[in-house]
Amino acid sequence: SLSVARTLTDGGDAANQAALVKDLGTRFEAES
């Protein structure tokens, strides 16, 4: 998630990385 924030800070396109964070992160939330 932090890597996406860094990409956005640098003005980069983070759409793909953001989708990955959302997939992995919300699965973790559900399993937790």
PDB file of all heavy atoms in Angstrom:
ATOM      1  N   SER A   1       0.822  -1.200   0.000  1.00  0.00           N
ATOM      2  CA  SER A   1       0.000   0.000   0.000  1.00  0.00           C
ATOM      3  C   SER A   1       0.861   1.257   0.000  1.00  0.00           C
ATOM      4  O   SER A   1       0.578   2.234  -0.704  1.00  0.00           O
ATOM      5  CB  SER A   1      -0.929  -0.022   1.223  1.00  0.00           C
ATOM      6  OG  SER A   1      -1.779   1.096   1.242  1.00  0.00           O
ATOM      7  N   LEU A   2       1.929   1.246   0.770  1.00  0.00           N
ATOM      8  CA  LEU A   2       2.851   2.384   0.797  1.00  0.00           C
ATOM      9  C   LEU A   2       3.495   2.618  -0.560  1.00  0.00           C
ATOM     10  O   LEU A   2       3.736   3.761  -0.962  1.00  0.00           O
ATOM     11  CB  LEU A   2       3.944   2.143   1.842  1.00  0.00           C
ATOM     12  CG  LEU A   2       3.678   2.640   3.263  1.00  0.00           C
ATOM     13  CD1 LEU A   2       4.736   2.108   4.215  1.00  0.00           C
ATOM     14  CD2 LEU A   2       3.648   4.160   3.296  1.00  0.00           C
ATOM     15  N   SER A   3       3.770   1.536  -1.282  1.00  0.00           N
ATOM     16  CA  SER A   3       4.399   1.700  -2.601  1.00  0.00           C
ATOM     17  C   SER A   3       3.481   2.451  -3.556  1.00  0.00           C
ATOM     18  O   SER A   3       3.945   3.217  -4.408  1.00  0.00           O
ATOM     19  CB  SER A   3       4.771   0.331  -3.191  1.00  0.00           C
ATOM     20  OG  SER A   3       3.621  -0.384  -3.619  1.00  0.00           O
ATOM     21  N   VAL A   4       2.153   2.267  -3.407  1.00  0.00           N
ATOM     22  CA  VAL A   4       1.206   3.018  -4.229  1.00  0.00           C
ATOM     23  C   VAL A   4       1.253   4.489  -3.843  1.00  0.00           C
ATOM     24  O   VAL A   4       1.244   5.374  -4.707  1.00  0.00           O
ATOM     25  CB  VAL A   4      -0.222   2.464  -4.088  1.00  0.00           C
ATOM     26  CG1 VAL A   4      -1.208   3.322  -4.850  1.00  0.00           C
ATOM     27  CG2 VAL A   4      -0.281   1.022  -4.576  1.00  0.00           C
ATOM     28  N   ALA A   5       1.304   4.781  -2.539  1.00  0.00           N
ATOM     29  CA  ALA A   5       1.400   6.172  -2.095  1.00  0.00           C
ATOM     30  C   ALA A   5       2.648   6.840  -2.649  1.00  0.00           C
ATOM     31  O   ALA A   5       2.619   8.011  -3.055  1.00  0.00           O
ATOM     32  CB  ALA A   5       1.399   6.232  -0.563  1.00  0.00           C
ATOM     33  N   ARG A   6       3.744   6.103  -2.703  1.00  0.00           N
ATOM     34  CA  ARG A   6       4.976   6.678  -3.263  1.00  0.00           C
ATOM     35  C   ARG A   6       4.814   6.947  -4.758  1.00  0.00           C
ATOM     36  O   ARG A   6       5.275   7.972  -5.277  1.00  0.00           O
ATOM     37  CB  ARG A   6       6.153   5.726  -3.012  1.00  0.00           C
ATOM     38  CG  ARG A   6       6.506   5.556  -1.551  1.00  0.00           C
ATOM     39  CD  ARG A   6       7.841   4.834  -1.385  1.00  0.00           C
ATOM     40  NE  ARG A   6       8.065   4.495   0.008  1.00  0.00           N
ATOM     41  CZ  ARG A   6       7.844   3.305   0.541  1.00  0.00           C
ATOM     42  NH1 ARG A   6       7.383   2.321  -0.217  1.00  0.00           N
ATOM     43  NH2 ARG A   6       8.078   3.078   1.812  1.00  0.00           N
ATOM     44  N   THR A   7       4.170   6.019  -5.459  1.00  0.00           N
ATOM     45  CA  THR A   7       3.947   6.218  -6.892  1.00  0.00           C
ATOM     46  C   THR A   7       3.089   7.450  -7.145  1.00  0.00           C
ATOM     47  O   THR A   7       3.368   8.258  -8.036  1.00  0.00           O
ATOM     48  CB  THR A   7       3.276   4.977  -7.508  1.00  0.00           C
ATOM     49  OG1 THR A   7       4.131   3.847  -7.338  1.00  0.00           O
ATOM     50  CG2 THR A   7       3.012   5.175  -9.007  1.00  0.00           C
ATOM     51  N   LEU A   8       2.038   7.605  -6.348  1.00  0.00           N
ATOM     52  CA  LEU A   8       1.176   8.772  -6.488  1.00  0.00           C
ATOM     53  C   LEU A   8       1.933  10.054  -6.146  1.00  0.00           C
ATOM     54  O   LEU A   8       1.738  11.093  -6.780  1.00  0.00           O
ATOM     55  CB  LEU A   8      -0.053   8.626  -5.587  1.00  0.00           C
ATOM     56  CG  LEU A   8      -1.024   7.504  -5.963  1.00  0.00           C
ATOM     57  CD1 LEU A   8      -2.094   7.337  -4.897  1.00  0.00           C
ATOM     58  CD2 LEU A   8      -1.672   7.760  -7.321  1.00  0.00           C
ATOM     59  N   THR A   9       2.814   9.980  -5.144  1.00  0.00           N
ATOM     60  CA  THR A   9       3.643  11.132  -4.790  1.00  0.00           C
ATOM     61  C   THR A   9       4.502  11.555  -5.970  1.00  0.00           C
ATOM     62  O   THR A   9       4.705  12.749  -6.222  1.00  0.00           O
ATOM     63  CB  THR A   9       4.543  10.795  -3.580  1.00  0.00           C
ATOM     64  OG1 THR A   9       3.714  10.531  -2.450  1.00  0.00           O
ATOM     65  CG2 THR A   9       5.484  11.947  -3.248  1.00  0.00           C
ATOM     66  N   ASP A  10       5.002  10.571  -6.713  1.00  0.00           N
ATOM     67  CA  ASP A  10       5.855  10.851  -7.876  1.00  0.00           C
ATOM     68  C   ASP A  10       5.058  11.188  -9.128  1.00  0.00           C
ATOM     69  O   ASP A  10       5.634  11.392 -10.198  1.00  0.00           O
ATOM     70  CB  ASP A  10       6.760   9.639  -8.158  1.00  0.00           C
ATOM     71  CG  ASP A  10       7.747   9.374  -7.023  1.00  0.00           C
ATOM     72  OD1 ASP A  10       8.044  10.324  -6.267  1.00  0.00           O
ATOM     73  OD2 ASP A  10       8.206   8.228  -6.889  1.00  0.00           O
ATOM     74  N   GLY A  11       3.727  11.215  -9.010  1.00  0.00           N
ATOM     75  CA  GLY A  11       2.891  11.547 -10.156  1.00  0.00           C
ATOM     76  C   GLY A  11       2.677  10.401 -11.120  1.00  0.00           C
ATOM     77  O   GLY A  11       2.257  10.609 -12.262  1.00  0.00           O
ATOM     78  N   GLY A  12       2.931   9.172 -10.682  1.00  0.00           N
ATOM     79  CA  GLY A  12       2.811   8.012 -11.561  1.00  0.00           C
ATOM     80  C   GLY A  12       1.414   7.427 -11.596  1.00  0.00           C
ATOM     81  O   GLY A  12       0.543   7.787 -10.803  1.00  0.00           O
ATOM     82  N   ASP A  13       1.190   6.504 -12.528  1.00  0.00           N
ATOM     83  CA  ASP A  13      -0.075   5.786 -12.667  1.00  0.00           C
ATOM     84  C   ASP A  13      -0.005   4.536 -11.800  1.00  0.00           C
ATOM     85  O   ASP A  13       0.837   3.665 -12.019  1.00  0.00           O
ATOM     86  CB  ASP A  13      -0.295   5.413 -14.131  1.00  0.00           C
ATOM     87  CG  ASP A  13      -1.595   4.633 -14.348  1.00  0.00           C
ATOM     88  OD1 ASP A  13      -2.345   4.446 -13.372  1.00  0.00           O
ATOM     89  OD2 ASP A  13      -1.845   4.209 -15.494  1.00  0.00           O
ATOM     90  N   ALA A  14      -0.901   4.464 -10.822  1.00  0.00           N
ATOM     91  CA  ALA A  14      -0.861   3.348  -9.871  1.00  0.00           C
ATOM     92  C   ALA A  14      -2.107   2.477  -9.942  1.00  0.00           C
ATOM     93  O   ALA A  14      -2.398   1.731  -9.005  1.00  0.00           O
ATOM     94  CB  ALA A  14      -0.682   3.881  -8.454  1.00  0.00           C
ATOM     95  N   ALA A  15      -2.856   2.548 -11.054  1.00  0.00           N
ATOM     96  CA  ALA A  15      -4.134   1.835 -11.131  1.00  0.00           C
ATOM     97  C   ALA A  15      -3.963   0.334 -10.937  1.00  0.00           C
ATOM     98  O   ALA A  15      -4.742  -0.302 -10.213  1.00  0.00           O
ATOM     99  CB  ALA A  15      -4.806   2.127 -12.470  1.00  0.00           C
ATOM    100  N   ASN A  16      -2.951  -0.251 -11.562  1.00  0.00           N
ATOM    101  CA  ASN A  16      -2.759  -1.696 -11.469  1.00  0.00           C
ATOM    102  C   ASN A  16      -2.318  -2.108 -10.064  1.00  0.00           C
ATOM    103  O   ASN A  16      -2.842  -3.064  -9.486  1.00  0.00           O
ATOM    104  CB  ASN A  16      -1.718  -2.149 -12.499  1.00  0.00           C
ATOM    105  CG  ASN A  16      -1.889  -3.605 -12.884  1.00  0.00           C
ATOM    106  OD1 ASN A  16      -2.972  -4.016 -13.268  1.00  0.00           O
ATOM    107  ND2 ASN A  16      -0.822  -4.375 -12.782  1.00  0.00           N
ATOM    108  N   GLN A  17      -1.366  -1.353  -9.513  1.00  0.00           N
ATOM    109  CA  GLN A  17      -0.901  -1.668  -8.163  1.00  0.00           C
ATOM    110  C   GLN A  17      -2.023  -1.483  -7.147  1.00  0.00           C
ATOM    111  O   GLN A  17      -2.140  -2.245  -6.188  1.00  0.00           O
ATOM    112  CB  GLN A  17       0.282  -0.771  -7.782  1.00  0.00           C
ATOM    113  CG  GLN A  17       1.510  -0.950  -8.661  1.00  0.00           C
ATOM    114  CD  GLN A  17       1.579   0.100  -9.744  1.00  0.00           C
ATOM    115  OE1 GLN A  17       0.595   0.320 -10.468  1.00  0.00           O
ATOM    116  NE2 GLN A  17       2.727   0.739  -9.869  1.00  0.00           N
ATOM    117  N   ALA A  18      -2.853  -0.458  -7.349  1.00  0.00           N
ATOM    118  CA  ALA A  18      -3.961  -0.212  -6.426  1.00  0.00           C
ATOM    119  C   ALA A  18      -4.956  -1.371  -6.447  1.00  0.00           C
ATOM    120  O   ALA A  18      -5.484  -1.776  -5.408  1.00  0.00           O
ATOM    121  CB  ALA A  18      -4.656   1.093  -6.780  1.00  0.00           C
ATOM    122  N   ALA A  19      -5.236  -1.899  -7.642  1.00  0.00           N
ATOM    123  CA  ALA A  19      -6.138  -3.038  -7.755  1.00  0.00           C
ATOM    124  C   ALA A  19      -5.580  -4.251  -7.010  1.00  0.00           C
ATOM    125  O   ALA A  19      -6.313  -5.003  -6.357  1.00  0.00           O
ATOM    126  CB  ALA A  19      -6.379  -3.374  -9.224  1.00  0.00           C
ATOM    127  N   LEU A  20      -4.270  -4.438  -7.095  1.00  0.00           N
ATOM    128  CA  LEU A  20      -3.630  -5.557  -6.401  1.00  0.00           C
ATOM    129  C   LEU A  20      -3.728  -5.393  -4.888  1.00  0.00           C
ATOM    130  O   LEU A  20      -4.042  -6.343  -4.159  1.00  0.00           O
ATOM    131  CB  LEU A  20      -2.160  -5.643  -6.827  1.00  0.00           C
ATOM    132  CG  LEU A  20      -1.337  -6.796  -6.229  1.00  0.00           C
ATOM    133  CD1 LEU A  20      -1.920  -8.137  -6.632  1.00  0.00           C
ATOM    134  CD2 LEU A  20       0.116  -6.684  -6.664  1.00  0.00           C
ATOM    135  N   VAL A  21      -3.483  -4.174  -4.401  1.00  0.00           N
ATOM    136  CA  VAL A  21      -3.597  -3.913  -2.965  1.00  0.00           C
ATOM    137  C   VAL A  21      -5.014  -4.188  -2.485  1.00  0.00           C
ATOM    138  O   VAL A  21      -5.238  -4.802  -1.446  1.00  0.00           O
ATOM    139  CB  VAL A  21      -3.193  -2.455  -2.645  1.00  0.00           C
ATOM    140  CG1 VAL A  21      -3.567  -2.104  -1.203  1.00  0.00           C
ATOM    141  CG2 VAL A  21      -1.702  -2.259  -2.853  1.00  0.00           C
ATOM    142  N   LYS A  22      -5.989  -3.727  -3.265  1.00  0.00           N
ATOM    143  CA  LYS A  22      -7.379  -3.922  -2.872  1.00  0.00           C
ATOM    144  C   LYS A  22      -7.738  -5.406  -2.830  1.00  0.00           C
ATOM    145  O   LYS A  22      -8.409  -5.863  -1.895  1.00  0.00           O
ATOM    146  CB  LYS A  22      -8.284  -3.175  -3.847  1.00  0.00           C
ATOM    147  CG  LYS A  22      -9.718  -2.978  -3.345  1.00  0.00           C
ATOM    148  CD  LYS A  22     -10.614  -4.134  -3.726  1.00  0.00           C
ATOM    149  CE  LYS A  22     -12.035  -3.937  -3.239  1.00  0.00           C
ATOM    150  NZ  LYS A  22     -12.883  -5.112  -3.462  1.00  0.00           N
ATOM    151  N   ASP A  23      -7.307  -6.178  -3.803  1.00  0.00           N
ATOM    152  CA  ASP A  23      -7.594  -7.617  -3.842  1.00  0.00           C
ATOM    153  C   ASP A  23      -6.969  -8.314  -2.631  1.00  0.00           C
ATOM    154  O   ASP A  23      -7.660  -8.971  -1.836  1.00  0.00           O
ATOM    155  CB  ASP A  23      -7.055  -8.206  -5.144  1.00  0.00           C
ATOM    156  CG  ASP A  23      -7.322  -9.696  -5.285  1.00  0.00           C
ATOM    157  OD1 ASP A  23      -7.978 -10.282  -4.401  1.00  0.00           O
ATOM    158  OD2 ASP A  23      -6.869 -10.281  -6.278  1.00  0.00           O
ATOM    159  N   LEU A  24      -5.671  -8.166  -2.457  1.00  0.00           N
ATOM    160  CA  LEU A  24      -4.977  -8.846  -1.366  1.00  0.00           C
ATOM    161  C   LEU A  24      -5.413  -8.311  -0.002  1.00  0.00           C
ATOM    162  O   LEU A  24      -5.607  -9.080   0.952  1.00  0.00           O
ATOM    163  CB  LEU A  24      -3.462  -8.674  -1.534  1.00  0.00           C
ATOM    164  CG  LEU A  24      -2.837  -9.313  -2.772  1.00  0.00           C
ATOM    165  CD1 LEU A  24      -1.367  -8.945  -2.872  1.00  0.00           C
ATOM    166  CD2 LEU A  24      -2.993 -10.826  -2.752  1.00  0.00           C
ATOM    167  N   GLY A  25      -5.592  -6.998   0.082  1.00  0.00           N
ATOM    168  CA  GLY A  25      -5.923  -6.391   1.362  1.00  0.00           C
ATOM    169  C   GLY A  25      -7.294  -6.768   1.865  1.00  0.00           C
ATOM    170  O   GLY A  25      -7.469  -7.099   3.049  1.00  0.00           O
ATOM    171  N   THR A  26      -8.287  -6.730   1.004  1.00  0.00           N
ATOM    172  CA  THR A  26      -9.640  -7.043   1.462  1.00  0.00           C
ATOM    173  C   THR A  26      -9.821  -8.533   1.721  1.00  0.00           C
ATOM    174  O   THR A  26     -10.629  -8.916   2.570  1.00  0.00           O
ATOM    175  CB  THR A  26     -10.688  -6.548   0.447  1.00  0.00           C
ATOM    176  OG1 THR A  26     -10.397  -7.087  -0.852  1.00  0.00           O
ATOM    177  CG2 THR A  26     -10.680  -5.029   0.356  1.00  0.00           C
ATOM    178  N   ARG A  27      -9.074  -9.370   1.022  1.00  0.00           N
ATOM    179  CA  ARG A  27      -9.109 -10.799   1.359  1.00  0.00           C
ATOM    180  C   ARG A  27      -8.522 -11.026   2.753  1.00  0.00           C
ATOM    181  O   ARG A  27      -9.029 -11.830   3.539  1.00  0.00           O
ATOM    182  CB  ARG A  27      -8.351 -11.617   0.318  1.00  0.00           C
ATOM    183  CG  ARG A  27      -9.193 -11.978  -0.905  1.00  0.00           C
ATOM    184  CD  ARG A  27      -8.528 -13.055  -1.727  1.00  0.00           C
ATOM    185  NE  ARG A  27      -7.391 -12.526  -2.490  1.00  0.00           N
ATOM    186  CZ  ARG A  27      -6.392 -13.259  -2.964  1.00  0.00           C
ATOM    187  NH1 ARG A  27      -6.363 -14.556  -2.712  1.00  0.00           N
ATOM    188  NH2 ARG A  27      -5.426 -12.715  -3.670  1.00  0.00           N
ATOM    189  N   PHE A  28      -7.436 -10.305   3.042  1.00  0.00           N
ATOM    190  CA  PHE A  28      -6.855 -10.389   4.378  1.00  0.00           C
ATOM    191  C   PHE A  28      -7.854  -9.926   5.436  1.00  0.00           C
ATOM    192  O   PHE A  28      -8.012 -10.581   6.484  1.00  0.00           O
ATOM    193  CB  PHE A  28      -5.588  -9.536   4.455  1.00  0.00           C
ATOM    194  CG  PHE A  28      -5.109  -9.309   5.862  1.00  0.00           C
ATOM    195  CD1 PHE A  28      -4.398 -10.291   6.533  1.00  0.00           C
ATOM    196  CD2 PHE A  28      -5.389  -8.115   6.528  1.00  0.00           C
ATOM    197  CE1 PHE A  28      -3.979 -10.091   7.846  1.00  0.00           C
ATOM    198  CE2 PHE A  28      -4.970  -7.913   7.825  1.00  0.00           C
ATOM    199  CZ  PHE A  28      -4.263  -8.898   8.498  1.00  0.00           C
ATOM    200  N   GLU A  29      -8.534  -8.821   5.179  1.00  0.00           N
ATOM    201  CA  GLU A  29      -9.524  -8.329   6.135  1.00  0.00           C
ATOM    202  C   GLU A  29     -10.588  -9.380   6.424  1.00  0.00           C
ATOM    203  O   GLU A  29     -10.942  -9.627   7.589  1.00  0.00           O
ATOM    204  CB  GLU A  29     -10.182  -7.063   5.595  1.00  0.00           C
ATOM    205  CG  GLU A  29      -9.281  -5.840   5.598  1.00  0.00           C
ATOM    206  CD  GLU A  29      -9.968  -4.622   5.023  1.00  0.00           C
ATOM    207  OE1 GLU A  29     -10.876  -4.778   4.176  1.00  0.00           O
ATOM    208  OE2 GLU A  29      -9.596  -3.501   5.405  1.00  0.00           O
ATOM    209  N   ALA A  30     -11.095  -9.987   5.358  1.00  0.00           N
ATOM    210  CA  ALA A  30     -12.149 -10.992   5.534  1.00  0.00           C
ATOM    211  C   ALA A  30     -11.637 -12.198   6.321  1.00  0.00           C
ATOM    212  O   ALA A  30     -12.316 -12.704   7.226  1.00  0.00           O
ATOM    213  CB  ALA A  30     -12.673 -11.429   4.166  1.00  0.00           C
ATOM    214  N   GLU A  31     -10.435 -12.661   5.993  1.00  0.00           N
ATOM    215  CA  GLU A  31      -9.887 -13.838   6.671  1.00  0.00           C
ATOM    216  C   GLU A  31      -9.527 -13.543   8.120  1.00  0.00           C
ATOM    217  O   GLU A  31      -9.574 -14.431   8.974  1.00  0.00           O
ATOM    218  CB  GLU A  31      -8.644 -14.331   5.916  1.00  0.00           C
ATOM    219  CG  GLU A  31      -8.970 -14.908   4.540  1.00  0.00           C
ATOM    220  CD  GLU A  31      -7.734 -15.063   3.658  1.00  0.00           C
ATOM    221  OE1 GLU A  31      -6.611 -14.796   4.159  1.00  0.00           O
ATOM    222  OE2 GLU A  31      -7.887 -15.420   2.479  1.00  0.00           O
ATOM    223  N   SER A  32      -9.177 -12.286   8.419  1.00  0.00           N
ATOM    224  CA  SER A  32      -8.740 -11.952   9.769  1.00  0.00           C
ATOM    225  C   SER A  32      -9.868 -12.077  10.793  1.00  0.00           C
ATOM    226  O   SER A  32      -9.610 -12.296  11.982  1.00  0.00           O
ATOM    227  CB  SER A  32      -8.183 -10.521   9.801  1.00  0.00           C
ATOM    228  OG  SER A  32      -9.207  -9.556   9.638  1.00  0.00           O
TER     229      SER A  32
END
